[in-house]
Amino acid sequence: MSADEEQLIGHSYTRARRHPLVIGKLPGAGRLPGGPYTITQIVTMVAVFLLLVITRQLWAHFGVMNILVMIVLPWGTAWVLRYARLDGRDPARALRSLLVYASTPAGGRLAGSPQHGSRPRLALATCTVHVRTPARDKPKAVRAAAAVPVAAAPAPTRPARTVPVPPASPVPTPAAPRRPPARSGLQALLASLDEH
């Protein structure tokens, strides 16, 4: 590598900054055996213990070993959860993310409420186009009449006689030379290939 080039090295500390909330000490300053435990592990231990207490009539046929099962099974499930990771997260957070994803509406949320897209509907409209001829296409007599200011006429004392005026016939204008339509670069290239 030359002196002009600089080697860039990137580091990500996101995972190190996301320490889970843990419980490691008892209120009397004693340390929990096998701890510290995350909130997920504590909830799992309590849930498994309560499930074993509720269903003890089904499995509690071992005498004194029942107490050992009621201690080892909740602690063992909590210990397994310590090392279980789904996408870098503990299973409870991954399950929560999955539930949030499943409950999100298809259109997403806007300011906390579901966003619904409007259904497409056929729009009917009319468009009127008025075509005006440019001033250069008008006959010279019409342009001259439009350019001459009209003086104010005195108020008539008797009704004026109207004389019918024949309509002016349109003056044919010479046709402008036609330009070839504009071509894109690709069309020009294809046309040059056809010529050769």
N, C-alpha and C. Protein backbone atom coordinates (compact mmCIF):
# COMPACT_ATOMS: atom_id res chain seq x y z
N MET A 1 0.85 -1.16 0.00
CA MET A 1 0.00 0.00 0.00
C MET A 1 0.90 1.22 0.00
N SER A 2 0.56 2.21 -0.83
CA SER A 2 1.39 3.40 -0.94
C SER A 2 1.10 4.37 0.20
N ALA A 3 1.95 5.39 0.31
CA ALA A 3 1.80 6.36 1.39
C ALA A 3 0.58 7.25 1.17
N ASP A 4 0.14 7.40 -0.11
CA ASP A 4 -1.00 8.25 -0.40
C ASP A 4 -2.32 7.60 0.02
N GLU A 5 -2.38 6.28 -0.04
CA GLU A 5 -3.60 5.58 0.32
C GLU A 5 -3.70 5.44 1.83
N GLU A 6 -4.93 5.57 2.30
CA GLU A 6 -5.16 5.46 3.73
C GLU A 6 -6.10 4.29 3.98
N GLN A 7 -5.76 3.43 4.91
CA GLN A 7 -6.60 2.28 5.21
C GLN A 7 -7.65 2.68 6.24
N LEU A 8 -8.91 2.47 5.89
CA LEU A 8 -10.00 2.80 6.78
C LEU A 8 -10.48 1.55 7.50
N ILE A 9 -10.62 1.65 8.80
CA ILE A 9 -11.07 0.53 9.62
C ILE A 9 -12.30 0.99 10.37
N GLY A 10 -13.38 0.23 10.28
CA GLY A 10 -14.62 0.57 10.98
C GLY A 10 -14.87 -0.38 12.13
N HIS A 11 -15.38 0.15 13.21
CA HIS A 11 -15.73 -0.65 14.38
C HIS A 11 -17.18 -0.37 14.76
N SER A 12 -17.88 -1.38 15.21
CA SER A 12 -19.26 -1.23 15.65
C SER A 12 -19.34 -1.64 17.12
N TYR A 13 -19.81 -0.70 17.93
CA TYR A 13 -19.93 -0.96 19.37
C TYR A 13 -21.39 -1.07 19.80
N THR A 14 -22.29 -1.27 18.86
CA THR A 14 -23.72 -1.27 19.18
C THR A 14 -24.07 -2.39 20.15
N ARG A 15 -23.58 -3.59 19.88
CA ARG A 15 -23.94 -4.72 20.74
C ARG A 15 -23.36 -4.55 22.14
N ALA A 16 -22.19 -3.98 22.25
CA ALA A 16 -21.59 -3.78 23.57
C ALA A 16 -22.36 -2.74 24.38
N ARG A 17 -22.98 -1.79 23.71
CA ARG A 17 -23.72 -0.76 24.42
C ARG A 17 -25.12 -1.22 24.80
N ARG A 18 -25.59 -2.29 24.24
CA ARG A 18 -26.93 -2.79 24.55
C ARG A 18 -26.85 -3.88 25.62
N HIS A 19 -26.46 -3.52 26.80
CA HIS A 19 -26.40 -4.50 27.87
C HIS A 19 -27.81 -4.78 28.36
N PRO A 20 -28.19 -6.04 28.51
CA PRO A 20 -29.54 -6.34 29.00
C PRO A 20 -29.64 -5.98 30.49
N LEU A 21 -30.86 -5.66 30.91
CA LEU A 21 -31.12 -5.39 32.31
C LEU A 21 -31.03 -6.71 33.07
N VAL A 22 -30.15 -6.78 34.08
CA VAL A 22 -29.93 -8.05 34.80
C VAL A 22 -30.13 -7.85 36.29
N ILE A 23 -30.41 -8.97 36.94
CA ILE A 23 -30.53 -9.02 38.39
C ILE A 23 -29.43 -9.93 38.88
N GLY A 24 -28.47 -9.39 39.62
CA GLY A 24 -27.33 -10.20 40.04
C GLY A 24 -27.14 -10.31 41.53
N LYS A 25 -27.80 -9.43 42.29
CA LYS A 25 -27.60 -9.45 43.74
C LYS A 25 -28.93 -9.48 44.45
N LEU A 26 -28.91 -10.06 45.63
CA LEU A 26 -30.09 -10.08 46.49
C LEU A 26 -30.19 -8.74 47.21
N PRO A 27 -31.36 -8.39 47.73
CA PRO A 27 -31.49 -7.10 48.43
C PRO A 27 -30.54 -6.97 49.62
N GLY A 28 -30.15 -8.05 50.25
CA GLY A 28 -29.23 -8.00 51.40
C GLY A 28 -27.78 -8.02 50.98
N ALA A 29 -27.46 -7.69 49.73
CA ALA A 29 -26.11 -7.61 49.16
C ALA A 29 -25.49 -8.97 48.92
N GLY A 30 -26.25 -10.05 48.99
CA GLY A 30 -25.73 -11.35 48.64
C GLY A 30 -25.87 -11.59 47.14
N ARG A 31 -25.00 -12.43 46.60
CA ARG A 31 -25.02 -12.68 45.16
C ARG A 31 -25.90 -13.88 44.84
N LEU A 32 -26.68 -13.78 43.76
CA LEU A 32 -27.52 -14.89 43.35
C LEU A 32 -26.66 -16.02 42.80
N PRO A 33 -26.94 -17.27 43.18
CA PRO A 33 -26.16 -18.37 42.63
C PRO A 33 -26.44 -18.55 41.13
N GLY A 34 -25.40 -18.59 40.33
CA GLY A 34 -25.54 -18.77 38.89
C GLY A 34 -25.92 -17.49 38.16
N GLY A 35 -26.00 -16.37 38.90
CA GLY A 35 -26.44 -15.10 38.30
C GLY A 35 -25.28 -14.36 37.68
N PRO A 36 -25.49 -13.24 37.14
CA PRO A 36 -26.73 -12.47 37.10
C PRO A 36 -27.71 -13.03 36.07
N TYR A 37 -28.99 -12.79 36.32
CA TYR A 37 -30.05 -13.29 35.46
C TYR A 37 -30.74 -12.12 34.75
N THR A 38 -31.11 -12.35 33.52
CA THR A 38 -31.89 -11.33 32.80
C THR A 38 -33.34 -11.43 33.22
N ILE A 39 -34.11 -10.43 32.88
CA ILE A 39 -35.53 -10.43 33.22
C ILE A 39 -36.23 -11.62 32.56
N THR A 40 -35.80 -11.96 31.33
CA THR A 40 -36.39 -13.11 30.64
C THR A 40 -36.14 -14.40 31.42
N GLN A 41 -34.94 -14.55 31.95
CA GLN A 41 -34.62 -15.75 32.71
C GLN A 41 -35.42 -15.82 34.01
N ILE A 42 -35.58 -14.70 34.68
CA ILE A 42 -36.34 -14.68 35.94
C ILE A 42 -37.81 -15.05 35.66
N VAL A 43 -38.39 -14.45 34.63
CA VAL A 43 -39.79 -14.74 34.29
C VAL A 43 -39.94 -16.20 33.90
N THR A 44 -38.97 -16.74 33.17
CA THR A 44 -39.03 -18.15 32.77
C THR A 44 -38.95 -19.07 33.99
N MET A 45 -38.04 -18.76 34.91
CA MET A 45 -37.93 -19.59 36.12
C MET A 45 -39.24 -19.59 36.90
N VAL A 46 -39.84 -18.42 37.09
CA VAL A 46 -41.09 -18.33 37.85
C VAL A 46 -42.21 -19.07 37.11
N ALA A 47 -42.29 -18.89 35.77
CA ALA A 47 -43.36 -19.54 35.00
C ALA A 47 -43.23 -21.05 35.04
N VAL A 48 -42.01 -21.58 34.88
CA VAL A 48 -41.81 -23.04 34.91
C VAL A 48 -42.10 -23.58 36.30
N PHE A 49 -41.68 -22.85 37.34
CA PHE A 49 -41.95 -23.29 38.72
C PHE A 49 -43.45 -23.35 38.97
N LEU A 50 -44.20 -22.30 38.57
CA LEU A 50 -45.64 -22.30 38.77
C LEU A 50 -46.32 -23.40 37.96
N LEU A 51 -45.83 -23.67 36.75
CA LEU A 51 -46.39 -24.76 35.94
C LEU A 51 -46.16 -26.11 36.60
N LEU A 52 -44.99 -26.29 37.20
CA LEU A 52 -44.72 -27.55 37.91
C LEU A 52 -45.59 -27.70 39.15
N VAL A 53 -45.84 -26.60 39.86
CA VAL A 53 -46.69 -26.66 41.05
C VAL A 53 -48.13 -27.00 40.65
N ILE A 54 -48.61 -26.38 39.57
CA ILE A 54 -50.00 -26.62 39.14
C ILE A 54 -50.19 -28.06 38.65
N THR A 55 -49.17 -28.61 37.97
CA THR A 55 -49.31 -29.95 37.39
C THR A 55 -48.62 -31.03 38.22
N ARG A 56 -48.38 -30.80 39.50
CA ARG A 56 -47.62 -31.78 40.28
C ARG A 56 -48.35 -33.09 40.47
N GLN A 57 -49.66 -33.11 40.35
CA GLN A 57 -50.39 -34.37 40.47
C GLN A 57 -50.09 -35.29 39.29
N LEU A 58 -49.66 -34.73 38.17
CA LEU A 58 -49.33 -35.54 37.00
C LEU A 58 -47.92 -36.13 37.07
N TRP A 59 -46.96 -35.43 37.63
CA TRP A 59 -45.56 -35.87 37.55
C TRP A 59 -44.92 -36.16 38.91
N ALA A 60 -45.49 -35.68 40.00
CA ALA A 60 -44.83 -35.79 41.31
C ALA A 60 -45.04 -37.17 41.93
N HIS A 61 -44.26 -38.16 41.43
CA HIS A 61 -44.35 -39.51 41.98
C HIS A 61 -42.97 -40.01 42.39
N PHE A 62 -42.04 -39.08 42.67
CA PHE A 62 -40.66 -39.48 42.95
C PHE A 62 -40.29 -39.31 44.42
N GLY A 63 -41.19 -38.91 45.27
CA GLY A 63 -40.90 -38.73 46.69
C GLY A 63 -40.10 -37.45 46.91
N VAL A 64 -38.92 -37.62 47.53
CA VAL A 64 -38.05 -36.47 47.86
C VAL A 64 -37.46 -35.85 46.58
N MET A 65 -37.35 -36.61 45.52
CA MET A 65 -36.79 -36.10 44.26
C MET A 65 -37.69 -35.05 43.60
N ASN A 66 -38.96 -34.97 44.04
CA ASN A 66 -39.85 -33.95 43.50
C ASN A 66 -39.30 -32.55 43.77
N ILE A 67 -38.73 -32.34 44.95
CA ILE A 67 -38.17 -31.02 45.30
C ILE A 67 -36.99 -30.71 44.38
N LEU A 68 -36.17 -31.70 44.10
CA LEU A 68 -35.03 -31.49 43.22
C LEU A 68 -35.50 -31.14 41.80
N VAL A 69 -36.55 -31.79 41.31
CA VAL A 69 -37.10 -31.49 39.99
C VAL A 69 -37.64 -30.07 39.96
N MET A 70 -38.30 -29.63 41.05
CA MET A 70 -38.87 -28.28 41.09
C MET A 70 -37.80 -27.20 41.19
N ILE A 71 -36.57 -27.56 41.54
CA ILE A 71 -35.49 -26.57 41.59
C ILE A 71 -34.66 -26.64 40.30
N VAL A 72 -34.30 -27.85 39.87
CA VAL A 72 -33.39 -28.01 38.74
C VAL A 72 -34.05 -27.64 37.40
N LEU A 73 -35.30 -28.02 37.20
CA LEU A 73 -35.95 -27.76 35.91
C LEU A 73 -36.12 -26.25 35.62
N PRO A 74 -36.62 -25.41 36.56
CA PRO A 74 -36.70 -23.98 36.27
C PRO A 74 -35.31 -23.34 36.06
N TRP A 75 -34.34 -23.75 36.93
CA TRP A 75 -32.99 -23.18 36.79
C TRP A 75 -32.35 -23.62 35.47
N GLY A 76 -32.58 -24.87 35.07
CA GLY A 76 -32.00 -25.37 33.82
C GLY A 76 -32.57 -24.65 32.60
N THR A 77 -33.89 -24.40 32.60
CA THR A 77 -34.45 -23.67 31.47
C THR A 77 -33.92 -22.24 31.42
N ALA A 78 -33.73 -21.61 32.58
CA ALA A 78 -33.17 -20.26 32.60
C ALA A 78 -31.72 -20.27 32.12
N TRP A 79 -30.97 -21.29 32.47
CA TRP A 79 -29.57 -21.39 32.04
C TRP A 79 -29.48 -21.58 30.52
N VAL A 80 -30.41 -22.38 29.95
CA VAL A 80 -30.44 -22.57 28.50
C VAL A 80 -30.79 -21.25 27.80
N LEU A 81 -31.71 -20.48 28.39
CA LEU A 81 -32.10 -19.20 27.79
C LEU A 81 -30.96 -18.18 27.80
N ARG A 82 -30.01 -18.34 28.70
CA ARG A 82 -28.87 -17.41 28.73
C ARG A 82 -28.08 -17.48 27.43
N TYR A 83 -27.96 -18.67 26.87
CA TYR A 83 -27.14 -18.86 25.66
C TYR A 83 -27.96 -18.95 24.39
N ALA A 84 -29.27 -19.00 24.53
CA ALA A 84 -30.12 -19.06 23.33
C ALA A 84 -30.23 -17.65 22.75
N ARG A 85 -29.89 -17.53 21.48
CA ARG A 85 -29.94 -16.23 20.80
C ARG A 85 -30.65 -16.40 19.46
N LEU A 86 -31.57 -15.50 19.18
CA LEU A 86 -32.25 -15.43 17.88
C LEU A 86 -31.94 -14.06 17.29
N ASP A 87 -31.15 -14.04 16.25
CA ASP A 87 -30.77 -12.79 15.61
C ASP A 87 -30.08 -11.85 16.58
N GLY A 88 -29.26 -12.43 17.48
CA GLY A 88 -28.50 -11.63 18.43
C GLY A 88 -29.30 -11.16 19.63
N ARG A 89 -30.53 -11.62 19.79
CA ARG A 89 -31.39 -11.19 20.90
C ARG A 89 -31.85 -12.41 21.68
N ASP A 90 -32.23 -12.15 22.93
CA ASP A 90 -32.75 -13.28 23.70
C ASP A 90 -34.14 -13.63 23.15
N PRO A 91 -34.60 -14.87 23.38
CA PRO A 91 -35.84 -15.34 22.76
C PRO A 91 -37.08 -14.50 23.09
N ALA A 92 -37.15 -13.92 24.30
CA ALA A 92 -38.33 -13.12 24.64
C ALA A 92 -38.40 -11.87 23.78
N ARG A 93 -37.27 -11.20 23.58
CA ARG A 93 -37.27 -10.00 22.73
C ARG A 93 -37.54 -10.37 21.27
N ALA A 94 -37.00 -11.49 20.82
CA ALA A 94 -37.26 -11.92 19.44
C ALA A 94 -38.74 -12.27 19.26
N LEU A 95 -39.36 -12.92 20.25
CA LEU A 95 -40.78 -13.24 20.18
C LEU A 95 -41.62 -11.97 20.21
N ARG A 96 -41.22 -10.99 21.03
CA ARG A 96 -41.93 -9.71 21.07
C ARG A 96 -41.84 -9.02 19.71
N SER A 97 -40.66 -9.02 19.10
CA SER A 97 -40.51 -8.40 17.79
C SER A 97 -41.38 -9.10 16.75
N LEU A 98 -41.46 -10.42 16.83
CA LEU A 98 -42.29 -11.17 15.89
C LEU A 98 -43.76 -10.84 16.08
N LEU A 99 -44.22 -10.70 17.33
CA LEU A 99 -45.62 -10.35 17.59
C LEU A 99 -45.93 -8.93 17.12
N VAL A 100 -45.00 -7.99 17.32
CA VAL A 100 -45.20 -6.62 16.84
C VAL A 100 -45.27 -6.61 15.31
N TYR A 101 -44.40 -7.38 14.68
CA TYR A 101 -44.41 -7.45 13.22
C TYR A 101 -45.71 -8.06 12.70
N ALA A 102 -46.19 -9.09 13.37
CA ALA A 102 -47.42 -9.75 12.93
C ALA A 102 -48.65 -8.87 13.15
N SER A 103 -48.62 -8.02 14.19
CA SER A 103 -49.78 -7.18 14.48
C SER A 103 -49.74 -5.84 13.76
N THR A 104 -48.67 -5.55 13.05
CA THR A 104 -48.60 -4.28 12.32
C THR A 104 -49.48 -4.34 11.09
N PRO A 105 -50.29 -3.31 10.84
CA PRO A 105 -51.13 -3.33 9.64
C PRO A 105 -50.29 -3.29 8.38
N ALA A 106 -50.86 -3.75 7.29
CA ALA A 106 -50.12 -3.85 6.03
C ALA A 106 -49.67 -2.49 5.52
N GLY A 107 -50.45 -1.45 5.76
CA GLY A 107 -50.09 -0.11 5.30
C GLY A 107 -49.16 0.61 6.25
N GLY A 108 -48.83 0.01 7.39
CA GLY A 108 -47.96 0.65 8.37
C GLY A 108 -48.76 1.53 9.32
N ARG A 109 -48.04 2.30 10.13
CA ARG A 109 -48.67 3.19 11.10
C ARG A 109 -48.23 4.61 10.85
N LEU A 110 -49.12 5.54 11.11
CA LEU A 110 -48.83 6.96 11.00
C LEU A 110 -49.32 7.61 12.28
N ALA A 111 -48.40 8.17 13.06
CA ALA A 111 -48.70 8.80 14.35
C ALA A 111 -49.41 7.81 15.29
N GLY A 112 -49.04 6.54 15.25
CA GLY A 112 -49.58 5.53 16.14
C GLY A 112 -50.85 4.87 15.68
N SER A 113 -51.51 5.39 14.68
CA SER A 113 -52.75 4.77 14.20
C SER A 113 -52.50 4.09 12.87
N PRO A 114 -53.28 3.03 12.58
CA PRO A 114 -53.06 2.31 11.31
C PRO A 114 -53.26 3.22 10.10
N GLN A 115 -52.39 3.09 9.14
CA GLN A 115 -52.45 3.87 7.90
C GLN A 115 -53.08 3.00 6.83
N HIS A 116 -54.19 3.45 6.30
CA HIS A 116 -54.89 2.71 5.25
C HIS A 116 -54.78 3.48 3.95
N GLY A 117 -54.36 2.84 2.92
CA GLY A 117 -54.30 3.47 1.61
C GLY A 117 -55.69 3.52 1.00
N SER A 118 -55.99 4.58 0.29
CA SER A 118 -57.30 4.68 -0.33
C SER A 118 -57.39 3.71 -1.50
N ARG A 119 -58.58 3.16 -1.69
CA ARG A 119 -58.76 2.22 -2.78
C ARG A 119 -58.75 2.95 -4.10
N PRO A 120 -58.18 2.36 -5.13
CA PRO A 120 -58.17 3.05 -6.42
C PRO A 120 -59.58 3.13 -7.00
N ARG A 121 -59.88 4.26 -7.61
CA ARG A 121 -61.18 4.42 -8.25
C ARG A 121 -60.99 5.14 -9.57
N LEU A 122 -61.93 4.93 -10.47
CA LEU A 122 -61.87 5.50 -11.80
C LEU A 122 -62.21 6.98 -11.73
N ALA A 123 -61.34 7.81 -12.25
CA ALA A 123 -61.58 9.25 -12.26
C ALA A 123 -62.07 9.66 -13.64
N LEU A 124 -63.24 10.26 -13.68
CA LEU A 124 -63.80 10.72 -14.93
C LEU A 124 -63.68 12.24 -14.98
N ALA A 125 -63.15 12.77 -16.07
CA ALA A 125 -63.01 14.20 -16.21
C ALA A 125 -63.10 14.56 -17.68
N THR A 126 -63.48 15.80 -17.94
CA THR A 126 -63.50 16.29 -19.32
C THR A 126 -62.49 17.41 -19.43
N CYS A 127 -61.99 17.57 -20.62
CA CYS A 127 -60.98 18.59 -20.88
C CYS A 127 -61.37 19.33 -22.15
N THR A 128 -61.45 20.64 -22.09
CA THR A 128 -61.78 21.44 -23.25
C THR A 128 -60.54 22.20 -23.68
N VAL A 129 -60.21 22.12 -24.96
CA VAL A 129 -59.04 22.80 -25.50
C VAL A 129 -59.51 23.84 -26.49
N HIS A 130 -59.15 25.10 -26.26
CA HIS A 130 -59.45 26.18 -27.18
C HIS A 130 -58.20 26.45 -27.99
N VAL A 131 -58.31 26.36 -29.32
CA VAL A 131 -57.16 26.59 -30.19
C VAL A 131 -57.24 28.02 -30.71
N ARG A 132 -56.22 28.78 -30.47
CA ARG A 132 -56.14 30.15 -30.97
C ARG A 132 -55.06 30.22 -32.03
N THR A 133 -55.36 30.97 -33.08
CA THR A 133 -54.35 31.13 -34.12
C THR A 133 -53.42 32.24 -33.72
N PRO A 134 -52.15 32.09 -33.99
CA PRO A 134 -51.21 33.15 -33.64
C PRO A 134 -51.49 34.40 -34.44
N ALA A 135 -50.98 35.56 -34.00
CA ALA A 135 -51.24 36.86 -34.64
C ALA A 135 -50.67 36.89 -36.06
N ARG A 136 -49.60 36.19 -36.34
CA ARG A 136 -49.00 36.22 -37.68
C ARG A 136 -49.86 35.52 -38.71
N ASP A 137 -50.79 34.64 -38.26
CA ASP A 137 -51.65 33.94 -39.20
C ASP A 137 -52.90 34.75 -39.55
N LYS A 138 -53.20 35.82 -38.79
CA LYS A 138 -54.39 36.62 -39.06
C LYS A 138 -54.17 37.45 -40.32
N PRO A 139 -55.23 37.78 -41.04
CA PRO A 139 -55.10 38.65 -42.21
C PRO A 139 -54.63 40.03 -41.79
N LYS A 140 -53.96 40.73 -42.72
CA LYS A 140 -53.40 42.05 -42.41
C LYS A 140 -54.49 43.04 -42.07
N ALA A 141 -55.65 42.95 -42.72
CA ALA A 141 -56.74 43.89 -42.45
C ALA A 141 -57.23 43.75 -41.02
N VAL A 142 -57.31 42.54 -40.54
CA VAL A 142 -57.78 42.30 -39.18
C VAL A 142 -56.77 42.83 -38.19
N ARG A 143 -55.46 42.59 -38.47
CA ARG A 143 -54.41 43.09 -37.57
C ARG A 143 -54.40 44.60 -37.55
N ALA A 144 -54.59 45.24 -38.72
CA ALA A 144 -54.58 46.70 -38.78
C ALA A 144 -55.77 47.27 -38.04
N ALA A 145 -56.93 46.63 -38.16
CA ALA A 145 -58.12 47.12 -37.46
C ALA A 145 -57.96 46.98 -35.96
N ALA A 146 -57.29 45.94 -35.55
CA ALA A 146 -57.09 45.74 -34.12
C ALA A 146 -56.07 46.73 -33.58
N ALA A 147 -55.14 47.21 -34.43
CA ALA A 147 -54.10 48.10 -33.96
C ALA A 147 -54.55 49.55 -33.92
N VAL A 148 -55.57 49.97 -34.71
CA VAL A 148 -56.02 51.36 -34.76
C VAL A 148 -56.95 51.63 -33.60
N PRO A 149 -56.64 52.66 -32.77
CA PRO A 149 -57.56 52.97 -31.66
C PRO A 149 -58.83 53.60 -32.19
N VAL A 150 -59.94 53.34 -31.56
CA VAL A 150 -61.24 53.85 -31.97
C VAL A 150 -61.55 55.07 -31.13
N ALA A 151 -61.90 56.21 -31.79
CA ALA A 151 -62.26 57.43 -31.07
C ALA A 151 -63.69 57.32 -30.58
N ALA A 152 -63.98 57.99 -29.51
CA ALA A 152 -65.32 57.94 -28.96
C ALA A 152 -66.28 58.67 -29.88
N ALA A 153 -67.35 58.03 -30.24
CA ALA A 153 -68.33 58.61 -31.16
C ALA A 153 -69.37 59.38 -30.36
N PRO A 154 -69.91 60.48 -30.93
CA PRO A 154 -70.96 61.20 -30.20
C PRO A 154 -72.22 60.36 -30.13
N ALA A 155 -72.99 60.62 -29.14
CA ALA A 155 -74.22 59.86 -28.94
C ALA A 155 -75.17 60.13 -30.10
N PRO A 156 -75.71 59.09 -30.75
CA PRO A 156 -76.60 59.30 -31.89
C PRO A 156 -77.94 59.87 -31.44
N THR A 157 -78.49 60.73 -32.30
CA THR A 157 -79.79 61.33 -31.98
C THR A 157 -80.91 60.49 -32.52
N ARG A 158 -80.65 59.79 -33.60
CA ARG A 158 -81.67 58.90 -34.15
C ARG A 158 -81.04 57.52 -34.34
N PRO A 159 -81.82 56.49 -34.44
CA PRO A 159 -81.24 55.17 -34.57
C PRO A 159 -80.43 55.05 -35.85
N ALA A 160 -79.30 54.41 -35.72
CA ALA A 160 -78.41 54.24 -36.87
C ALA A 160 -78.88 53.09 -37.72
N ARG A 161 -78.60 53.22 -39.02
CA ARG A 161 -78.97 52.17 -39.95
C ARG A 161 -77.85 51.14 -39.97
N THR A 162 -78.22 49.89 -39.92
CA THR A 162 -77.20 48.84 -39.96
C THR A 162 -77.10 48.31 -41.37
N VAL A 163 -75.87 48.16 -41.80
CA VAL A 163 -75.60 47.64 -43.14
C VAL A 163 -74.93 46.29 -42.96
N PRO A 164 -75.46 45.22 -43.57
CA PRO A 164 -74.81 43.92 -43.41
C PRO A 164 -73.45 43.93 -44.09
N VAL A 165 -72.47 43.38 -43.38
CA VAL A 165 -71.10 43.31 -43.90
C VAL A 165 -70.81 41.84 -44.20
N PRO A 166 -70.33 41.55 -45.42
CA PRO A 166 -70.03 40.14 -45.71
C PRO A 166 -68.83 39.68 -44.87
N PRO A 167 -68.85 38.45 -44.46
CA PRO A 167 -67.71 37.96 -43.67
C PRO A 167 -66.45 37.91 -44.52
N ALA A 168 -65.34 38.20 -43.83
CA ALA A 168 -64.05 38.19 -44.53
C ALA A 168 -63.63 36.76 -44.79
N SER A 169 -63.16 36.55 -46.00
CA SER A 169 -62.70 35.20 -46.33
C SER A 169 -61.29 35.03 -45.79
N PRO A 170 -60.97 33.87 -45.29
CA PRO A 170 -59.63 33.66 -44.73
C PRO A 170 -58.59 33.73 -45.83
N VAL A 171 -57.49 34.36 -45.50
CA VAL A 171 -56.38 34.49 -46.45
C VAL A 171 -55.50 33.26 -46.30
N PRO A 172 -55.24 32.56 -47.37
CA PRO A 172 -54.39 31.37 -47.23
C PRO A 172 -52.97 31.81 -46.88
N THR A 173 -52.40 31.11 -45.95
CA THR A 173 -51.02 31.39 -45.53
C THR A 173 -50.11 30.37 -46.17
N PRO A 174 -48.92 30.83 -46.51
CA PRO A 174 -48.00 29.85 -47.09
C PRO A 174 -47.61 28.81 -46.04
N ALA A 175 -47.49 27.59 -46.49
CA ALA A 175 -47.15 26.50 -45.57
C ALA A 175 -45.69 26.63 -45.15
N ALA A 176 -45.45 26.47 -43.86
CA ALA A 176 -44.08 26.53 -43.36
C ALA A 176 -43.36 25.25 -43.76
N PRO A 177 -42.06 25.37 -44.05
CA PRO A 177 -41.33 24.16 -44.41
C PRO A 177 -41.33 23.18 -43.24
N ARG A 178 -41.54 21.91 -43.54
CA ARG A 178 -41.60 20.88 -42.49
C ARG A 178 -40.19 20.47 -42.07
N ARG A 179 -40.01 20.49 -40.78
CA ARG A 179 -38.74 20.01 -40.23
C ARG A 179 -38.88 18.53 -39.92
N PRO A 180 -37.82 17.80 -40.09
CA PRO A 180 -37.92 16.39 -39.71
C PRO A 180 -38.09 16.30 -38.19
N PRO A 181 -38.77 15.27 -37.74
CA PRO A 181 -38.97 15.15 -36.28
C PRO A 181 -37.62 14.98 -35.58
N ALA A 182 -37.59 15.48 -34.34
CA ALA A 182 -36.35 15.38 -33.55
C ALA A 182 -36.05 13.91 -33.27
N ARG A 183 -34.78 13.59 -33.28
CA ARG A 183 -34.36 12.21 -33.04
C ARG A 183 -33.56 12.13 -31.75
N SER A 184 -33.70 11.01 -31.10
CA SER A 184 -32.86 10.76 -29.95
C SER A 184 -31.51 10.26 -30.45
N GLY A 185 -30.58 10.17 -29.53
CA GLY A 185 -29.24 9.70 -29.90
C GLY A 185 -29.28 8.29 -30.47
N LEU A 186 -30.12 7.43 -29.91
CA LEU A 186 -30.21 6.05 -30.38
C LEU A 186 -30.82 6.00 -31.78
N GLN A 187 -31.86 6.83 -32.03
CA GLN A 187 -32.47 6.83 -33.35
C GLN A 187 -31.48 7.34 -34.40
N ALA A 188 -30.68 8.37 -34.04
CA ALA A 188 -29.69 8.88 -34.99
C ALA A 188 -28.64 7.82 -35.29
N LEU A 189 -28.22 7.07 -34.28
CA LEU A 189 -27.25 6.01 -34.49
C LEU A 189 -27.80 4.92 -35.41
N LEU A 190 -29.06 4.52 -35.17
CA LEU A 190 -29.66 3.49 -36.01
C LEU A 190 -29.84 3.98 -37.45
N ALA A 191 -30.20 5.26 -37.62
CA ALA A 191 -30.35 5.80 -38.97
C ALA A 191 -29.01 5.85 -39.69
N SER A 192 -27.94 6.16 -38.96
CA SER A 192 -26.62 6.20 -39.62
C SER A 192 -26.17 4.79 -40.00
N LEU A 193 -26.56 3.79 -39.22
CA LEU A 193 -26.21 2.42 -39.56
C LEU A 193 -26.99 1.96 -40.79
N ASP A 194 -28.26 2.43 -40.94
CA ASP A 194 -29.05 2.05 -42.12
C ASP A 194 -28.48 2.67 -43.40
N GLU A 195 -27.88 3.86 -43.28
CA GLU A 195 -27.34 4.53 -44.45
C GLU A 195 -26.10 3.81 -45.00
N HIS A 196 -25.35 3.19 -44.16
CA HIS A 196 -24.09 2.53 -44.61
C HIS A 196 -24.35 1.18 -45.22
